C-alpha atoms as a PDB file:
ATOM      1  CA  MET A   1      73.971  94.963  60.997  1.00  0.00           C
ATOM      2  CA  ALA A   2      70.591  96.608  61.075  1.00  0.00           C
ATOM      3  CA  ASP A   3      67.116  95.287  60.969  1.00  0.00           C
ATOM      4  CA  GLY A   4      64.079  96.771  59.311  1.00  0.00           C
ATOM      5  CA  SER A   5      63.075  98.485  62.591  1.00  0.00           C
ATOM      6  CA  GLU A   6      66.394 100.529  62.718  1.00  0.00           C
ATOM      7  CA  PRO A   7      66.877 103.683  60.694  1.00  0.00           C
ATOM      8  CA  SER A   8      68.287 103.287  57.260  1.00  0.00           C
ATOM      9  CA  PRO A   9      71.823 104.528  56.643  1.00  0.00           C
ATOM     10  CA  ALA A  10      70.587 107.002  53.983  1.00  0.00           C
ATOM     11  CA  SER A  11      71.192 109.813  55.956  1.00  0.00           C
ATOM     12  CA  LEU A  12      73.571 111.014  58.706  1.00  0.00           C
ATOM     13  CA  ALA A  13      70.963 110.928  61.412  1.00  0.00           C
ATOM     14  CA  GLY A  14      70.446 106.964  60.636  1.00  0.00           C
ATOM     15  CA  LEU A  15      74.352 106.280  59.870  1.00  0.00           C
ATOM     16  CA  PHE A  16      76.310 107.194  63.059  1.00  0.00           C
ATOM     17  CA  PRO A  17      74.069 106.077  65.635  1.00  0.00           C
ATOM     18  CA  ILE A  18      74.630 102.658  64.443  1.00  0.00           C
ATOM     19  CA  LEU A  19      78.158 102.901  65.600  1.00  0.00           C
ATOM     20  CA  ARG A  20      76.744 103.127  69.230  1.00  0.00           C
ATOM     21  CA  GLN A  21      74.583  99.972  68.667  1.00  0.00           C
ATOM     22  CA  ILE A  22      77.499  98.108  67.631  1.00  0.00           C
ATOM     23  CA  ARG A  23      79.459  99.423  70.902  1.00  0.00           C
ATOM     24  CA  ILE A  24      76.688  98.579  72.989  1.00  0.00           C
ATOM     25  CA  ARG A  25      76.544  95.265  71.581  1.00  0.00           C
ATOM     26  CA  ALA A  26      80.166  94.574  72.402  1.00  0.00           C
ATOM     27  CA  GLY A  27      79.657  95.663  75.803  1.00  0.00           C
ATOM     28  CA  LEU A  28      82.185  98.639  75.699  1.00  0.00           C
ATOM     29  CA  THR A  29      82.209 102.170  76.940  1.00  0.00           C
ATOM     30  CA  GLN A  30      83.066 105.106  74.956  1.00  0.00           C
ATOM     31  CA  LYS A  31      86.315 105.717  77.165  1.00  0.00           C
ATOM     32  CA  GLN A  32      87.201 102.034  76.338  1.00  0.00           C
ATOM     33  CA  VAL A  33      86.812 102.581  72.547  1.00  0.00           C
ATOM     34  CA  ALA A  34      88.728 105.495  72.660  1.00  0.00           C
ATOM     35  CA  GLN A  35      91.480 103.836  74.471  1.00  0.00           C
ATOM     36  CA  ALA A  36      91.481 100.934  71.994  1.00  0.00           C
ATOM     37  CA  THR A  37      91.542 103.507  69.053  1.00  0.00           C
ATOM     38  CA  GLY A  38      94.009 105.798  70.674  1.00  0.00           C
ATOM     39  CA  ALA A  39      91.854 108.709  69.200  1.00  0.00           C
ATOM     40  CA  GLY A  40      91.700 112.175  70.842  1.00  0.00           C
ATOM     41  CA  GLY A  41      94.130 111.706  73.278  1.00  0.00           C
ATOM     42  CA  ARG A  42      92.749 113.098  76.578  1.00  0.00           C
ATOM     43  CA  HIS A  43      89.607 113.931  75.166  1.00  0.00           C
ATOM     44  CA  GLY A  44      89.249 110.583  73.203  1.00  0.00           C
ATOM     45  CA  ARG A  45      85.715 109.686  75.112  1.00  0.00           C
ATOM     46  CA  LYS A  46      84.268 113.088  74.010  1.00  0.00           C
ATOM     47  CA  LEU A  47      85.638 112.480  70.236  1.00  0.00           C
ATOM     48  CA  ILE A  48      83.828 109.104  70.281  1.00  0.00           C
ATOM     49  CA  ALA A  49      80.544 110.791  71.716  1.00  0.00           C
ATOM     50  CA  ARG A  50      80.489 113.388  69.029  1.00  0.00           C
ATOM     51  CA  LEU A  51      81.135 110.809  66.397  1.00  0.00           C
ATOM     52  CA  GLU A  52      78.294 108.598  67.677  1.00  0.00           C
ATOM     53  CA  ALA A  53      76.019 111.712  67.564  1.00  0.00           C
ATOM     54  CA  GLY A  54      77.229 112.493  64.174  1.00  0.00           C
ATOM     55  CA  HIS A  55      78.637 115.966  65.675  1.00  0.00           C
ATOM     56  CA  ALA A  56      82.392 114.770  64.567  1.00  0.00           C
ATOM     57  CA  PRO A  57      83.347 117.461  61.968  1.00  0.00           C
ATOM     58  CA  ASN A  58      84.405 115.363  58.742  1.00  0.00           C
ATOM     59  CA  PRO A  59      85.273 112.138  60.525  1.00  0.00           C
ATOM     60  CA  SER A  60      88.018 110.129  58.490  1.00  0.00           C
ATOM     61  CA  ALA A  61      87.663 106.745  57.176  1.00  0.00           C
ATOM     62  CA  ARG A  62      90.613 105.646  59.456  1.00  0.00           C
ATOM     63  CA  LEU A  63      88.634 106.702  62.754  1.00  0.00           C
ATOM     64  CA  VAL A  64      85.535 104.920  61.716  1.00  0.00           C
ATOM     65  CA  LEU A  65      87.371 101.765  60.749  1.00  0.00           C
ATOM     66  CA  ASP A  66      89.413 101.957  64.003  1.00  0.00           C
ATOM     67  CA  TYR A  67      86.248 102.351  66.165  1.00  0.00           C
ATOM     68  CA  LEU A  68      84.423  99.356  64.183  1.00  0.00           C
ATOM     69  CA  ARG A  69      87.491  97.192  64.877  1.00  0.00           C
ATOM     70  CA  ALA A  70      87.640  98.129  68.401  1.00  0.00           C
ATOM     71  CA  CYS A  71      84.187  96.967  68.958  1.00  0.00           C
ATOM     72  CA  GLY A  72      84.792  93.684  67.295  1.00  0.00           C
ATOM     73  CA  ALA A  73      82.468  94.380  64.367  1.00  0.00           C
ATOM     74  CA  THR A  74      82.068  91.597  61.692  1.00  0.00           C
ATOM     75  CA  SER A  75      83.357  92.160  58.158  1.00  0.00           C
ATOM     76  CA  THR A  76      79.688  92.473  57.159  1.00  0.00           C
ATOM     77  CA  ASP A  77      79.350  95.371  59.352  1.00  0.00           C
ATOM     78  CA  ILE A  78      82.326  97.252  58.144  1.00  0.00           C
ATOM     79  CA  GLN A  79      81.229  96.683  54.775  1.00  0.00           C
ATOM     80  CA  GLU A  80      77.454  97.920  55.241  1.00  0.00           C
ATOM     81  CA  PHE A  81      78.919 100.955  57.169  1.00  0.00           C
ATOM     82  CA  LEU A  82      81.595 101.963  54.769  1.00  0.00           C
ATOM     83  CA  ASP A  83      79.049 101.631  51.765  1.00  0.00           C
ATOM     84  CA  GLY A  84      76.702 103.949  53.633  1.00  0.00           C
ATOM     85  CA  TYR A  85      79.582 106.408  54.659  1.00  0.00           C
ATOM     86  CA  LEU A  86      80.547 106.863  51.033  1.00  0.00           C
ATOM     87  CA  SER A  87      77.265 107.082  49.534  1.00  0.00           C
ATOM     88  CA  VAL A  88      75.454 109.699  51.614  1.00  0.00           C
ATOM     89  CA  ARG A  89      75.874 113.400  51.893  1.00  0.00           C
ATOM     90  CA  LEU A  90      77.334 113.828  55.122  1.00  0.00           C
ATOM     91  CA  SER A  91      76.144 117.236  56.634  1.00  0.00           C
ATOM     92  CA  ALA A  92      76.399 117.264  60.667  1.00  0.00           C
ATOM     93  CA  PRO A  93      72.967 117.900  62.497  1.00  0.00           C
ATOM     94  CA  GLU A  94      72.749 121.464  64.023  1.00  0.00           C
ATOM     95  CA  ARG A  95      74.452 121.898  67.441  1.00  0.00           C
ATOM     96  CA  PRO A  96      73.338 124.751  69.888  1.00  0.00           C
ATOM     97  CA  GLN A  97      76.170 127.506  70.265  1.00  0.00           C
ATOM     98  CA  ARG A  98      77.323 127.888  73.582  1.00  0.00           C
ATOM     99  CA  GLY A  99      78.517 130.915  75.285  1.00  0.00           C
ATOM    100  CA  PRO A 100      78.146 134.606  74.072  1.00  0.00           C
ATOM    101  CA  ARG A 101      78.396 135.250  70.445  1.00  0.00           C
ATOM    102  CA  ARG A 102      81.201 137.446  69.252  1.00  0.00           C
ATOM    103  CA  LYS A 103      80.609 140.540  67.546  1.00  0.00           C
ATOM    104  CA  GLY A 104      80.245 140.366  63.738  1.00  0.00           C
ATOM    105  CA  THR A 105      79.888 136.504  63.765  1.00  0.00           C
ATOM    106  CA  VAL A 106      77.164 134.574  62.141  1.00  0.00           C
ATOM    107  CA  PRO A 107      75.015 132.369  64.408  1.00  0.00           C
ATOM    108  CA  ALA A 108      75.992 128.670  64.226  1.00  0.00           C
ATOM    109  CA  ARG A 109      73.474 126.631  62.536  1.00  0.00           C
ATOM    110  CA  GLY A 110      75.612 123.455  62.188  1.00  0.00           C
ATOM    111  CA  LEU A 111      78.680 122.427  60.330  1.00  0.00           C
ATOM    112  CA  SER A 112      78.914 123.270  56.971  1.00  0.00           C
ATOM    113  CA  PRO A 113      77.708 120.480  54.648  1.00  0.00           C
ATOM    114  CA  LYS A 114      80.212 118.012  53.616  1.00  0.00           C
ATOM    115  CA  PRO A 115      80.593 117.395  49.953  1.00  0.00           C
ATOM    116  CA  GLU A 116      79.138 114.347  48.419  1.00  0.00           C
ATOM    117  CA  ASP A 117      82.714 112.992  47.415  1.00  0.00           C
ATOM    118  CA  ALA A 118      84.575 114.174  50.330  1.00  0.00           C
ATOM    119  CA  ALA A 119      84.412 111.020  52.031  1.00  0.00           C
ATOM    120  CA  THR A 120      85.721 109.147  49.157  1.00  0.00           C
ATOM    121  CA  ILE A 121      88.627 111.562  48.595  1.00  0.00           C
ATOM    122  CA  ALA A 122      89.333 111.190  52.229  1.00  0.00           C
ATOM    123  CA  LEU A 123      89.421 107.142  51.880  1.00  0.00           C
ATOM    124  CA  ARG A 124      91.414 107.653  48.429  1.00  0.00           C
ATOM    125  CA  LYS A 125      93.958 109.792  50.266  1.00  0.00           C
ATOM    126  CA  GLU A 126      94.536 107.414  53.131  1.00  0.00           C
ATOM    127  CA  ALA A 127      94.820 104.525  50.580  1.00  0.00           C
ATOM    128  CA  ALA A 128      97.532 106.677  48.684  1.00  0.00           C
ATOM    129  CA  TRP A 129      99.727 106.917  51.617  1.00  0.00           C
ATOM    130  CA  TRP A 130      99.558 103.098  52.326  1.00  0.00           C
ATOM    131  CA  ASN A 131     100.724 102.659  48.735  1.00  0.00           C
ATOM    132  CA  LEU A 132     103.598 105.112  49.211  1.00  0.00           C
ATOM    133  CA  ARG A 133     104.443 102.790  52.180  1.00  0.00           C
ATOM    134  CA  LYS A 134     104.808  99.711  49.936  1.00  0.00           C
ATOM    135  CA  VAL A 135     107.162 101.934  47.840  1.00  0.00           C
ATOM    136  CA  ILE A 136     109.147 102.810  50.909  1.00  0.00           C
ATOM    137  CA  GLU A 137     109.229  99.305  52.516  1.00  0.00           C
ATOM    138  CA  ILE A 138     110.657  97.810  49.103  1.00  0.00           C
ATOM    139  CA  VAL A 139     113.502 100.557  48.895  1.00  0.00           C
ATOM    140  CA  LEU A 140     114.284 100.244  52.641  1.00  0.00           C
ATOM    141  CA  HIS A 141     114.498  96.568  52.495  1.00  0.00           C
ATOM    142  CA  ARG A 142     116.911  96.706  49.393  1.00  0.00           C
ATOM    143  CA  GLU A 143     119.063  99.308  51.015  1.00  0.00           C
ATOM    144  CA  LEU A 144     119.356  97.518  54.472  1.00  0.00           C
ATOM    145  CA  ASN A 145     120.505  94.362  52.584  1.00  0.00           C
ATOM    146  CA  GLY A 146     123.036  96.162  50.876  1.00  0.00           C
ATOM    147  CA  LEU A 147     124.302  97.876  54.086  1.00  0.00           C
ATOM    148  CA  GLY A 148     124.596  94.199  55.634  1.00  0.00           C
ATOM    149  CA  ALA A 149     122.041  94.764  58.430  1.00  0.00           C
ATOM    150  CA  SER A 150     121.226  91.499  60.171  1.00  0.00           C
ATOM    151  CA  PRO A 151     117.485  90.547  59.388  1.00  0.00           C
ATOM    152  CA  MET A 152     115.036  90.858  62.024  1.00  0.00           C
ATOM    153  CA  SER A 153     117.608  92.501  64.346  1.00  0.00           C
ATOM    154  CA  LYS A 154     116.731  95.336  66.822  1.00  0.00           C
ATOM    155  CA  GLU A 155     119.298  97.474  65.042  1.00  0.00           C
ATOM    156  CA  ARG A 156     117.833  96.687  61.590  1.00  0.00           C
ATOM    157  CA  LYS A 157     114.376  97.695  62.998  1.00  0.00           C
ATOM    158  CA  HIS A 158     115.624 101.121  64.346  1.00  0.00           C
ATOM    159  CA  ALA A 159     117.230 101.848  60.911  1.00  0.00           C
ATOM    160  CA  ALA A 160     113.985 101.060  59.070  1.00  0.00           C
ATOM    161  CA  ASP A 161     112.265 103.307  61.373  1.00  0.00           C
ATOM    162  CA  PHE A 162     114.456 106.125  60.783  1.00  0.00           C
ATOM    163  CA  GLY A 163     114.182 105.708  56.964  1.00  0.00           C
ATOM    164  CA  ARG A 164     110.189 105.707  57.367  1.00  0.00           C
ATOM    165  CA  LYS A 165     110.474 108.752  59.448  1.00  0.00           C
ATOM    166  CA  VAL A 166     112.603 110.604  57.186  1.00  0.00           C
ATOM    167  CA  PHE A 167     110.337 110.098  54.209  1.00  0.00           C
ATOM    168  CA  ARG A 168     107.354 110.982  56.334  1.00  0.00           C
ATOM    169  CA  ILE A 169     109.188 114.348  57.118  1.00  0.00           C
ATOM    170  CA  LEU A 170     109.957 115.193  53.566  1.00  0.00           C
ATOM    171  CA  TYR A 171     106.358 114.405  52.747  1.00  0.00           C
ATOM    172  CA  GLN A 172     104.571 116.513  55.515  1.00  0.00           C
ATOM    173  CA  THR A 173     107.076 119.490  54.923  1.00  0.00           C
ATOM    174  CA  ARG A 174     106.689 119.785  51.150  1.00  0.00           C
ATOM    175  CA  GLN A 175     104.781 122.964  51.416  1.00  0.00           C
ATOM    176  CA  THR A 176     106.324 124.595  54.674  1.00  0.00           C
ATOM    177  CA  ARG A 177     109.551 126.475  55.180  1.00  0.00           C
ATOM    178  CA  PRO A 178     112.758 124.641  54.644  1.00  0.00           C
ATOM    179  CA  ALA A 179     113.714 125.539  58.066  1.00  0.00           C
ATOM    180  CA  LEU A 180     111.096 123.674  59.556  1.00  0.00           C
ATOM    181  CA  ARG A 181     111.903 120.586  57.592  1.00  0.00           C
ATOM    182  CA  GLU A 182     115.555 120.735  58.854  1.00  0.00           C
ATOM    183  CA  ARG A 183     114.646 120.949  62.485  1.00  0.00           C
ATOM    184  CA  ARG A 184     112.396 117.890  62.243  1.00  0.00           C
ATOM    185  CA  LEU A 185     115.183 116.109  60.173  1.00  0.00           C
ATOM    186  CA  GLY A 186     117.631 116.863  62.895  1.00  0.00           C
ATOM    187  CA  ARG A 187     115.508 115.586  65.748  1.00  0.00           C
ATOM    188  CA  CYS A 188     114.827 112.585  63.639  1.00  0.00           C
ATOM    189  CA  ARG A 189     118.748 111.818  63.351  1.00  0.00           C
ATOM    190  CA  ALA A 190     119.228 112.857  67.040  1.00  0.00           C
ATOM    191  CA  TRP A 191     116.833 110.031  67.834  1.00  0.00           C
ATOM    192  CA  ALA A 192     118.500 107.651  65.571  1.00  0.00           C
ATOM    193  CA  GLU A 193     121.972 108.353  67.050  1.00  0.00           C
ATOM    194  CA  ARG A 194     120.605 107.612  70.409  1.00  0.00           C
ATOM    195  CA  LYS A 195     119.701 104.175  69.137  1.00  0.00           C
ATOM    196  CA  ALA A 196     123.475 103.819  68.583  1.00  0.00           C
ATOM    197  CA  LEU A 197     123.045 103.263  64.783  1.00  0.00           C
ATOM    198  CA  PRO A 198     126.213 103.887  62.587  1.00  0.00           C
ATOM    199  CA  ARG A 199     126.547 107.711  61.201  1.00  0.00           C
ATOM    200  CA  GLU A 200     127.174 106.021  57.707  1.00  0.00           C
ATOM    201  CA  ALA A 201     124.103 103.948  57.744  1.00  0.00           C
ATOM    202  CA  LEU A 202     122.031 107.017  58.579  1.00  0.00           C
ATOM    203  CA  ASP A 203     123.906 109.211  55.929  1.00  0.00           C
ATOM    204  CA  HIS A 204     123.125 106.474  53.341  1.00  0.00           C
ATOM    205  CA  LEU A 205     119.458 106.165  54.309  1.00  0.00           C
ATOM    206  CA  LEU A 206     118.758 110.023  54.421  1.00  0.00           C
ATOM    207  CA  ARG A 207     120.332 110.182  50.854  1.00  0.00           C
ATOM    208  CA  THR A 208     118.334 107.484  49.769  1.00  0.00           C
ATOM    209  CA  MET A 209     115.019 108.580  51.228  1.00  0.00           C
ATOM    210  CA  THR A 210     115.685 112.093  49.797  1.00  0.00           C
ATOM    211  CA  ALA A 211     116.351 110.602  46.465  1.00  0.00           C
ATOM    212  CA  LEU A 212     113.185 108.641  46.483  1.00  0.00           C
ATOM    213  CA  PHE A 213     111.151 111.284  47.581  1.00  0.00           C
ATOM    214  CA  ASP A 214     112.463 113.828  44.960  1.00  0.00           C
ATOM    215  CA  ASP A 215     112.000 111.249  42.107  1.00  0.00           C
ATOM    216  CA  MET A 216     108.643 110.540  43.159  1.00  0.00           C
ATOM    217  CA  ALA A 217     107.695 114.183  43.351  1.00  0.00           C
ATOM    218  CA  ALA A 218     109.227 115.029  39.824  1.00  0.00           C
ATOM    219  CA  ARG A 219     107.049 112.203  38.395  1.00  0.00           C
ATOM    220  CA  ASP A 220     103.917 113.532  40.198  1.00  0.00           C
ATOM    221  CA  GLU A 221     103.407 110.191  42.146  1.00  0.00           C
ATOM    222  CA  LEU A 222     103.202 111.757  45.537  1.00  0.00           C
ATOM    223  CA  ASP A 223      99.582 113.068  45.032  1.00  0.00           C
ATOM    224  CA  TRP A 224      98.223 110.254  42.984  1.00  0.00           C
ATOM    225  CA  LEU A 225      94.940 108.638  44.270  1.00  0.00           C
ATOM    226  CA  PRO A 226      94.049 105.047  43.805  1.00  0.00           C
ATOM    227  CA  PRO A 227      90.678 104.443  42.314  1.00  0.00           C
ATOM    228  CA  ALA A 228      87.753 104.204  44.891  1.00  0.00           C
ATOM    229  CA  ASP A 229      87.244 100.728  44.566  1.00  0.00           C
ATOM    230  CA  ASP A 230      90.944  99.924  45.029  1.00  0.00           C
ATOM    231  CA  ALA A 231      91.194 102.216  48.166  1.00  0.00           C
ATOM    232  CA  LYS A 232      88.113 100.813  49.628  1.00  0.00           C
ATOM    233  CA  HIS A 233      89.182  97.292  49.378  1.00  0.00           C
ATOM    234  CA  LEU A 234      92.658  98.141  50.684  1.00  0.00           C
ATOM    235  CA  MET A 235      91.363  99.961  53.728  1.00  0.00           C
ATOM    236  CA  LEU A 236      88.987  97.281  54.544  1.00  0.00           C
ATOM    237  CA  LEU A 237      92.184  95.046  55.362  1.00  0.00           C
ATOM    238  CA  ARG A 238      93.754  95.235  58.730  1.00  0.00           C
ATOM    239  CA  PRO A 239      96.765  97.515  58.867  1.00  0.00           C
ATOM    240  CA  LYS A 240      99.227  94.661  59.206  1.00  0.00           C
ATOM    241  CA  HIS A 241      97.811  93.005  55.908  1.00  0.00           C
ATOM    242  CA  ARG A 242      98.146  96.188  53.741  1.00  0.00           C
ATOM    243  CA  LEU A 243     101.789  96.112  53.151  1.00  0.00           C
ATOM    244  CA  ALA A 244     104.668  93.786  53.806  1.00  0.00           C
ATOM    245  CA  THR A 245     107.115  95.769  56.150  1.00  0.00           C
ATOM    246  CA  ASP A 246     110.944  95.171  56.009  1.00  0.00           C
ATOM    247  CA  TYR A 247     110.418  92.521  58.818  1.00  0.00           C
ATOM    248  CA  ASP A 248     107.828  90.813  56.818  1.00  0.00           C
ATOM    249  CA  MET A 249     110.033  90.538  53.694  1.00  0.00           C
ATOM    250  CA  CYS A 250     113.104  89.386  56.041  1.00  0.00           C
ATOM    251  CA  ARG A 251     110.959  86.685  57.545  1.00  0.00           C
ATOM    252  CA  ASP A 252     109.623  85.681  54.336  1.00  0.00           C
ATOM    253  CA  GLU A 253     113.057  85.260  52.794  1.00  0.00           C
ATOM    254  CA  TYR A 254     114.388  83.303  56.066  1.00  0.00           C
ATOM    255  CA  LEU A 255     111.574  80.756  55.671  1.00  0.00           C
ATOM    256  CA  GLU A 256     112.006  80.473  52.008  1.00  0.00           C
ATOM    257  CA  ARG A 257     115.678  79.886  52.590  1.00  0.00           C
ATOM    258  CA  MET A 258     114.927  77.352  55.207  1.00  0.00           C
ATOM    259  CA  ALA A 259     112.528  75.559  53.079  1.00  0.00           C
ATOM    260  CA  ARG A 260     115.126  75.381  50.319  1.00  0.00           C
ATOM    261  CA  GLU A 261     117.963  74.038  52.545  1.00  0.00           C
ATOM    262  CA  GLN A 262     115.322  71.451  53.856  1.00  0.00           C
ATOM    263  CA  GLU A 263     114.534  70.410  50.445  1.00  0.00           C
ATOM    264  CA  ALA A 264     118.256  70.110  49.381  1.00  0.00           C
ATOM    265  CA  ARG A 265     118.972  68.239  52.884  1.00  0.00           C
ATOM    266  CA  GLU A 266     116.247  65.897  52.087  1.00  0.00           C
ATOM    267  CA  ALA A 267     117.486  65.379  48.593  1.00  0.00           C
ATOM    268  CA  ALA A 268     121.113  64.663  49.615  1.00  0.00           C
ATOM    269  CA  ARG A 269     119.857  62.226  52.262  1.00  0.00           C
ATOM    270  CA  LYS A 270     117.705  60.196  50.046  1.00  0.00           C
ATOM    271  CA  PRO A 271     120.304  58.138  48.318  1.00  0.00           C
ATOM    272  CA  VAL A 272     122.289  57.697  51.542  1.00  0.00           C
ATOM    273  CA  ILE A 273     119.300  56.123  53.374  1.00  0.00           C
ATOM    274  CA  GLU A 274     118.532  53.971  50.370  1.00  0.00           C
ATOM    275  CA  ALA A 275     122.049  52.547  50.477  1.00  0.00           C
ATOM    276  CA  ALA A 276     121.981  52.175  54.202  1.00  0.00           C
ATOM    277  CA  MET A 277     118.564  50.139  53.855  1.00  0.00           C
ATOM    278  CA  ASN A 278     120.219  47.887  51.362  1.00  0.00           C
ATOM    279  CA  LEU A 279     123.227  47.435  53.494  1.00  0.00           C
ATOM    280  CA  LEU A 280     120.671  46.125  56.558  1.00  0.00           C
ATOM    281  CA  LYS A 281     118.702  44.001  54.036  1.00  0.00           C
ATOM    282  CA  SER A 282     121.608  42.446  52.753  1.00  0.00           C
ATOM    283  CA  ALA A 283     122.533  41.499  56.293  1.00  0.00           C
ATOM    284  CA  GLY A 284     119.265  39.477  56.338  1.00  0.00           C
ATOM    285  CA  LEU A 285     117.034  42.070  58.466  1.00  0.00           C
ATOM    286  CA  SER A 286     113.610  42.562  57.863  1.00  0.00           C
ATOM    287  CA  GLY A 287     110.437  43.743  59.400  1.00  0.00           C
ATOM    288  CA  SER A 288     110.753  44.932  63.092  1.00  0.00           C
ATOM    289  CA  ALA A 289     114.525  43.846  63.344  1.00  0.00           C
ATOM    290  CA  LEU A 290     115.177  46.467  60.534  1.00  0.00           C
ATOM    291  CA  GLY A 291     113.302  48.899  62.110  1.00  0.00           C
ATOM    292  CA  ASN A 292     115.592  48.655  65.311  1.00  0.00           C
ATOM    293  CA  TYR A 293     118.403  50.137  62.933  1.00  0.00           C
ATOM    294  CA  THR A 294     116.657  52.803  61.269  1.00  0.00           C
ATOM    295  CA  ILE A 295     116.833  55.528  64.014  1.00  0.00           C
ATOM    296  CA  PHE A 296     120.497  55.032  63.602  1.00  0.00           C
ATOM    297  CA  ILE A 297     120.848  56.137  60.005  1.00  0.00           C
ATOM    298  CA  THR A 298     119.144  59.415  60.836  1.00  0.00           C
ATOM    299  CA  ALA A 299     121.401  59.798  63.934  1.00  0.00           C
ATOM    300  CA  PHE A 300     124.602  59.155  61.867  1.00  0.00           C
ATOM    301  CA  LEU A 301     123.374  61.413  59.244  1.00  0.00           C
ATOM    302  CA  ASN A 302     122.884  64.285  61.716  1.00  0.00           C
ATOM    303  CA  VAL A 303     126.354  63.826  62.951  1.00  0.00           C
ATOM    304  CA  ALA A 304     127.719  63.845  59.312  1.00  0.00           C
ATOM    305  CA  GLU A 305     125.994  67.185  58.732  1.00  0.00           C
ATOM    306  CA  SER A 306     127.079  68.809  62.277  1.00  0.00           C
ATOM    307  CA  THR A 307     130.634  67.721  62.313  1.00  0.00           C
ATOM    308  CA  GLN A 308     133.809  67.978  60.117  1.00  0.00           C
ATOM    309  CA  PRO A 309     135.106  64.786  58.428  1.00  0.00           C
ATOM    310  CA  GLY A 310     137.824  62.893  60.505  1.00  0.00           C
ATOM    311  CA  SER A 311     137.569  65.263  63.350  1.00  0.00           C
ATOM    312  CA  PRO A 312     137.935  63.583  66.895  1.00  0.00           C
ATOM    313  CA  GLN A 313     134.202  65.100  67.847  1.00  0.00           C
ATOM    314  CA  ARG A 314     133.069  62.940  65.022  1.00  0.00           C
ATOM    315  CA  ALA A 315     134.652  59.913  66.321  1.00  0.00           C
ATOM    316  CA  GLN A 316     133.818  60.328  69.760  1.00  0.00           C
ATOM    317  CA  ARG A 317     130.074  60.928  69.215  1.00  0.00           C
ATOM    318  CA  ILE A 318     129.702  57.961  66.939  1.00  0.00           C
ATOM    319  CA  GLU A 319     131.191  55.708  69.774  1.00  0.00           C
ATOM    320  CA  GLU A 320     129.051  57.276  72.254  1.00  0.00           C
ATOM    321  CA  MET A 321     126.122  56.930  70.111  1.00  0.00           C
ATOM    322  CA  ILE A 322     126.767  53.115  69.482  1.00  0.00           C
ATOM    323  CA  HIS A 323     127.771  52.148  72.873  1.00  0.00           C
ATOM    324  CA  ALA A 324     125.107  54.135  74.756  1.00  0.00           C
ATOM    325  CA  ILE A 325     122.292  51.604  73.652  1.00  0.00           C
ATOM    326  CA  GLU A 326     123.560  48.304  74.005  1.00  0.00           C
ATOM    327  CA  ARG A 327     120.963  45.549  73.482  1.00  0.00           C
ATOM    328  CA  PRO A 328     121.011  41.892  72.573  1.00  0.00           C
ATOM    329  CA  TYR A 329     118.907  42.402  69.441  1.00  0.00           C
ATOM    330  CA  LEU A 330     121.578  45.206  68.293  1.00  0.00           C
ATOM    331  CA  ASP A 331     124.804  44.032  66.282  1.00  0.00           C
ATOM    332  CA  GLN A 332     127.468  46.330  67.353  1.00  0.00           C
ATOM    333  CA  SER A 333     129.693  45.317  64.587  1.00  0.00           C
ATOM    334  CA  LEU A 334     126.701  46.117  62.133  1.00  0.00           C
ATOM    335  CA  LEU A 335     126.168  49.560  63.660  1.00  0.00           C
ATOM    336  CA  HIS A 336     129.812  50.193  62.847  1.00  0.00           C
ATOM    337  CA  ARG A 337     129.725  49.288  59.380  1.00  0.00           C
ATOM    338  CA  LEU A 338     126.482  51.230  58.942  1.00  0.00           C
ATOM    339  CA  ALA A 339     128.290  54.420  60.401  1.00  0.00           C
ATOM    340  CA  GLU A 340     131.048  53.436  57.919  1.00  0.00           C
ATOM    341  CA  LEU A 341     128.840  53.571  54.916  1.00  0.00           C
ATOM    342  CA  VAL A 342     126.586  56.479  55.903  1.00  0.00           C
ATOM    343  CA  LEU A 343     129.017  59.117  57.083  1.00  0.00           C
ATOM    344  CA  PRO A 344     131.307  59.080  53.816  1.00  0.00           C
ATOM    345  CA  LEU A 345     128.237  58.875  51.426  1.00  0.00           C
ATOM    346  CA  ARG A 346     126.794  61.996  53.291  1.00  0.00           C
ATOM    347  CA  ASP A 347     130.070  63.876  53.178  1.00  0.00           C
ATOM    348  CA  GLY A 348     130.246  63.341  49.158  1.00  0.00           C
ATOM    349  CA  ARG A 349     126.482  64.797  48.996  1.00  0.00           C
ATOM    350  CA  ALA A 350     127.194  67.830  50.668  1.00  0.00           C
END
């Protein structure tokens, strides 16, 4: 990240200019970094400029990490910078005061020094919110399954977003007037109703998230901060790797179910394939002659698994399959015998 000629990140003056070096190395402008991080809104470029100069008041760990990732910094760069960020006493250099001084004010001599552990506390608070999100996602996944929401559907995504918004509003309005909380919850519900979500589902999710919030508040879990090392390791991960969302859990369950179904299908097919191979061998087939018929075993198995026993569709598909490939080296009567063996056996293993 820095060689011996670069200033050591032992002070603020040497810590934040390293960001500028990484940005220049990535070939990005301050405006491009601001757009990639989404920081500062319309004044994002100014915020990035103040950050690089060390003038940003109490820069958060999230802003610094987003900046580094936007510049394509390596994991070593991020690790070194975060080590320095958490170990130095961060006090911004002096900035000249602009404009006339108001009467009775003290001349600005730079921003007030940042306490030595303020950066660590900020990082732990950020990690604490991600830990809360883990609990929220688990509860949402359980409740949405109970409501019968289709996995990975648009409606389920909107319902999960509603549950997250409700908990966030409850969390952010803990120490404010109840009227503000009610207004924000009302706007959140109006948003969900515009997404055509059922009122019963919204009522259930609102009650569930409120009960979860009250329970965690009663047990003093809302303000619990993880250890500094755990918080650091969590925040070094990309956001998509910090927790498993309801969508991720639905996808994992779908993949697990598909794997189990495939395993069960293979287990049911194995004895049928062995019996079919024995029939072909008893007919005197071997080598390449035997291989000409193996493709029909798989085809007959697919028909058995996709049609009902004794249905006209099954009989039609078998006849079409046998007569579609008429070759001198294929015995039509043997193919019929093979189908008569495979289909009942597979039906019995279903």
